[in-house]
């Protein structure tokens, strides 16, 4: 065979290797992503005056959830807030505020048995008897709002635990209303502008709820403005939320707002969590629930 022919064959082989490599990389990035979700654990003070009266088995519930996620297996896990309860429980005597960091440590030790990356959304109960700095110090979280990529997807973690003036909620005792301050909103706009991946936003209080009796309005005061930012980006396919303890799903202008069932033990509520499969090839979000969590098959 002539040298020119050999060179042509060699170049063809190099080209084929490049194409196959690119195809393999594309196939890898297009693989479904498996995400474990739980919310509203409300880890509580079992030695407080509430012992034996309410929320008595959070270690068993969280352990069962983590065991299920490891067995599935999930690629990553996200807890959607109210990881620790604080000493306040509606209709019960106050617990002991100085015990709350230790309770958070106990819950974190169980969450840490998950065999993969784990993420945290900060909820209103998480700052009842703690500062945000304390919450970060007692968990693997490093920021209260952040973003990351996983597989073919971009994830945004939002922190709605601010008052209307933009101050951190800190040892508040009791509060339910959330707010996203201007600094975080500006960060969100820039973050969404910088990604080309379909995006999941995670937040504690609901962004889709126009009125809540306890909140005296929307659960997040500037929810309408935040929704407008998400819609304008053209990137956001879903919002994962907690707070209400009962699951729900609504589509607003092409974004799925998915509220997950609580893991907490209250009012004979079963232990509930969800496995979520994100399929970039099929463009689907498949939620499979445990306990009282509903199943959903959604497209985007």
Foldseek 3Di string as FASTA:
>chain_A
DDPVVVVVVVVVVVVVVVVVVVVVVVVQLQAKAKEWEAEQLAQEDCPFQCNPPFQHDSVVLLLVSLVVCVVVPHQEYEYQENLHQAQDDPPTDGGDLVCRLVSLLSSQVSVVPRPHYYYYAYAPRNQLSAFVVSNVVSHVDDDNWDWDDDRQEIETHDHFQAPPVRHHRHNNNDDQAGEHDPVNLVVVLVVLLPDPGQYEYGHEAFLVDQDDPRNRGGSYPPSVVSVVSQLVSVRYQEYEYERVQAWDWDADNRYIYTYWHHQTTGPNQHRKIWMWIQRNVQQWIWIDMDGNTDTDIGHD
